[in-house]
Amino acid sequence: MNKIKEYSKILKDNYSELFNIQKTYLSQVRSDINNYL
């Protein structure tokens, strides 16, 4: 049971990191588009 908890925690951490990277990327793209226009 502990293994599963550990694993899900790792997954969650990785997911939130990915999500943050994606958010940063999207805001970067948005500002690039705004600069272009």
PDB file of N, CA and C in Angstrom:
ATOM      1  N   MET A   1       0.835  -1.204   0.000  1.00  0.00           N
ATOM      2  CA  MET A   1       0.000   0.000   0.000  1.00  0.00           C
ATOM      3  C   MET A   1       0.869   1.254   0.000  1.00  0.00           C
ATOM      4  N   ASN A   2       1.947   1.232   0.740  1.00  0.00           N
ATOM      5  CA  ASN A   2       2.819   2.399   0.794  1.00  0.00           C
ATOM      6  C   ASN A   2       3.416   2.726  -0.567  1.00  0.00           C
ATOM      7  N   LYS A   3       3.761   1.683  -1.280  1.00  0.00           N
ATOM      8  CA  LYS A   3       4.352   1.873  -2.607  1.00  0.00           C
ATOM      9  C   LYS A   3       3.414   2.673  -3.498  1.00  0.00           C
ATOM     10  N   ILE A   4       2.151   2.324  -3.435  1.00  0.00           N
ATOM     11  CA  ILE A   4       1.159   3.008  -4.267  1.00  0.00           C
ATOM     12  C   ILE A   4       1.087   4.486  -3.886  1.00  0.00           C
ATOM     13  N   LYS A   5       1.091   4.750  -2.602  1.00  0.00           N
ATOM     14  CA  LYS A   5       1.055   6.140  -2.147  1.00  0.00           C
ATOM     15  C   LYS A   5       2.264   6.902  -2.663  1.00  0.00           C
ATOM     16  N   GLU A   6       3.419   6.301  -2.492  1.00  0.00           N
ATOM     17  CA  GLU A   6       4.649   6.922  -2.975  1.00  0.00           C
ATOM     18  C   GLU A   6       4.546   7.231  -4.458  1.00  0.00           C
ATOM     19  N   TYR A   7       4.112   6.236  -5.186  1.00  0.00           N
ATOM     20  CA  TYR A   7       4.037   6.350  -6.632  1.00  0.00           C
ATOM     21  C   TYR A   7       3.084   7.462  -7.049  1.00  0.00           C
ATOM     22  N   SER A   8       1.932   7.521  -6.419  1.00  0.00           N
ATOM     23  CA  SER A   8       0.962   8.551  -6.782  1.00  0.00           C
ATOM     24  C   SER A   8       1.483   9.939  -6.429  1.00  0.00           C
ATOM     25  N   LYS A   9       2.251  10.019  -5.343  1.00  0.00           N
ATOM     26  CA  LYS A   9       2.835  11.312  -4.976  1.00  0.00           C
ATOM     27  C   LYS A   9       3.824  11.759  -6.051  1.00  0.00           C
ATOM     28  N   ILE A  10       4.661  10.835  -6.489  1.00  0.00           N
ATOM     29  CA  ILE A  10       5.624  11.147  -7.544  1.00  0.00           C
ATOM     30  C   ILE A  10       4.890  11.607  -8.800  1.00  0.00           C
ATOM     31  N   LEU A  11       3.865  10.868  -9.154  1.00  0.00           N
ATOM     32  CA  LEU A  11       3.071  11.229 -10.332  1.00  0.00           C
ATOM     33  C   LEU A  11       2.495  12.631 -10.194  1.00  0.00           C
ATOM     34  N   LYS A  12       1.943  12.901  -9.037  1.00  0.00           N
ATOM     35  CA  LYS A  12       1.323  14.200  -8.818  1.00  0.00           C
ATOM     36  C   LYS A  12       2.354  15.321  -8.943  1.00  0.00           C
ATOM     37  N   ASP A  13       3.512  15.121  -8.330  1.00  0.00           N
ATOM     38  CA  ASP A  13       4.562  16.135  -8.392  1.00  0.00           C
ATOM     39  C   ASP A  13       4.975  16.384  -9.832  1.00  0.00           C
ATOM     40  N   ASN A  14       5.196  15.298 -10.559  1.00  0.00           N
ATOM     41  CA  ASN A  14       5.594  15.435 -11.954  1.00  0.00           C
ATOM     42  C   ASN A  14       4.522  16.138 -12.760  1.00  0.00           C
ATOM     43  N   TYR A  15       3.287  15.799 -12.475  1.00  0.00           N
ATOM     44  CA  TYR A  15       2.188  16.394 -13.224  1.00  0.00           C
ATOM     45  C   TYR A  15       2.110  17.895 -12.974  1.00  0.00           C
ATOM     46  N   SER A  16       2.221  18.292 -11.732  1.00  0.00           N
ATOM     47  CA  SER A  16       2.131  19.719 -11.433  1.00  0.00           C
ATOM     48  C   SER A  16       3.305  20.476 -12.042  1.00  0.00           C
ATOM     49  N   GLU A  17       4.467  19.833 -12.071  1.00  0.00           N
ATOM     50  CA  GLU A  17       5.623  20.455 -12.695  1.00  0.00           C
ATOM     51  C   GLU A  17       5.364  20.651 -14.187  1.00  0.00           C
ATOM     52  N   LEU A  18       4.871  19.607 -14.815  1.00  0.00           N
ATOM     53  CA  LEU A  18       4.531  19.682 -16.235  1.00  0.00           C
ATOM     54  C   LEU A  18       3.517  20.785 -16.486  1.00  0.00           C
ATOM     55  N   PHE A  19       2.528  20.840 -15.620  1.00  0.00           N
ATOM     56  CA  PHE A  19       1.481  21.833 -15.780  1.00  0.00           C
ATOM     57  C   PHE A  19       2.061  23.242 -15.683  1.00  0.00           C
ATOM     58  N   ASN A  20       2.955  23.448 -14.738  1.00  0.00           N
ATOM     59  CA  ASN A  20       3.584  24.762 -14.582  1.00  0.00           C
ATOM     60  C   ASN A  20       4.407  25.126 -15.802  1.00  0.00           C
ATOM     61  N   ILE A  21       5.157  24.158 -16.316  1.00  0.00           N
ATOM     62  CA  ILE A  21       5.955  24.395 -17.517  1.00  0.00           C
ATOM     63  C   ILE A  21       5.041  24.797 -18.667  1.00  0.00           C
ATOM     64  N   GLN A  22       3.943  24.085 -18.791  1.00  0.00           N
ATOM     65  CA  GLN A  22       2.996  24.361 -19.860  1.00  0.00           C
ATOM     66  C   GLN A  22       2.413  25.762 -19.722  1.00  0.00           C
ATOM     67  N   LYS A  23       2.058  26.134 -18.504  1.00  0.00           N
ATOM     68  CA  LYS A  23       1.508  27.467 -18.274  1.00  0.00           C
ATOM     69  C   LYS A  23       2.515  28.534 -18.662  1.00  0.00           C
ATOM     70  N   THR A  24       3.754  28.328 -18.246  1.00  0.00           N
ATOM     71  CA  THR A  24       4.797  29.291 -18.570  1.00  0.00           C
ATOM     72  C   THR A  24       4.968  29.405 -20.073  1.00  0.00           C
ATOM     73  N   TYR A  25       4.974  28.267 -20.725  1.00  0.00           N
ATOM     74  CA  TYR A  25       5.130  28.235 -22.171  1.00  0.00           C
ATOM     75  C   TYR A  25       3.988  28.974 -22.853  1.00  0.00           C
ATOM     76  N   LEU A  26       2.772  28.707 -22.398  1.00  0.00           N
ATOM     77  CA  LEU A  26       1.608  29.348 -23.007  1.00  0.00           C
ATOM     78  C   LEU A  26       1.643  30.858 -22.827  1.00  0.00           C
ATOM     79  N   SER A  27       2.004  31.313 -21.667  1.00  0.00           N
ATOM     80  CA  SER A  27       2.052  32.758 -21.456  1.00  0.00           C
ATOM     81  C   SER A  27       3.159  33.382 -22.301  1.00  0.00           C
ATOM     82  N   GLN A  28       4.244  32.651 -22.485  1.00  0.00           N
ATOM     83  CA  GLN A  28       5.334  33.120 -23.339  1.00  0.00           C
ATOM     84  C   GLN A  28       4.846  33.261 -24.776  1.00  0.00           C
ATOM     85  N   VAL A  29       4.169  32.242 -25.250  1.00  0.00           N
ATOM     86  CA  VAL A  29       3.633  32.269 -26.611  1.00  0.00           C
ATOM     87  C   VAL A  29       2.658  33.435 -26.767  1.00  0.00           C
ATOM     88  N   ARG A  30       1.819  33.628 -25.780  1.00  0.00           N
ATOM     89  CA  ARG A  30       0.839  34.704 -25.844  1.00  0.00           C
ATOM     90  C   ARG A  30       1.534  36.059 -25.943  1.00  0.00           C
ATOM     91  N   SER A  31       2.547  36.264 -25.155  1.00  0.00           N
ATOM     92  CA  SER A  31       3.237  37.550 -25.201  1.00  0.00           C
ATOM     93  C   SER A  31       3.982  37.717 -26.526  1.00  0.00           C
ATOM     94  N   ASP A  32       4.509  36.613 -27.058  1.00  0.00           N
ATOM     95  CA  ASP A  32       5.153  36.679 -28.371  1.00  0.00           C
ATOM     96  C   ASP A  32       4.153  37.107 -29.431  1.00  0.00           C
ATOM     97  N   ILE A  33       2.976  36.525 -29.384  1.00  0.00           N
ATOM     98  CA  ILE A  33       1.931  36.874 -30.352  1.00  0.00           C
ATOM     99  C   ILE A  33       1.569  38.349 -30.205  1.00  0.00           C
ATOM    100  N   ASN A  34       1.427  38.798 -28.987  1.00  0.00           N
ATOM    101  CA  ASN A  34       1.085  40.202 -28.757  1.00  0.00           C
ATOM    102  C   ASN A  34       2.168  41.123 -29.291  1.00  0.00           C
ATOM    103  N   ASN A  35       3.400  40.736 -29.106  1.00  0.00           N
ATOM    104  CA  ASN A  35       4.503  41.545 -29.623  1.00  0.00           C
ATOM    105  C   ASN A  35       4.495  41.566 -31.139  1.00  0.00           C
ATOM    106  N   TYR A  36       4.124  40.457 -31.708  1.00  0.00           N
ATOM    107  CA  TYR A  36       4.105  40.347 -33.162  1.00  0.00           C
ATOM    108  C   TYR A  36       3.004  41.225 -33.749  1.00  0.00           C
ATOM    109  N   LEU A  37       1.846  41.218 -33.100  1.00  0.00           N
ATOM    110  CA  LEU A  37       0.737  42.059 -33.554  1.00  0.00           C
ATOM    111  C   LEU A  37       1.033  43.497 -33.161  1.00  0.00           C
TER     112      LEU A  37
END
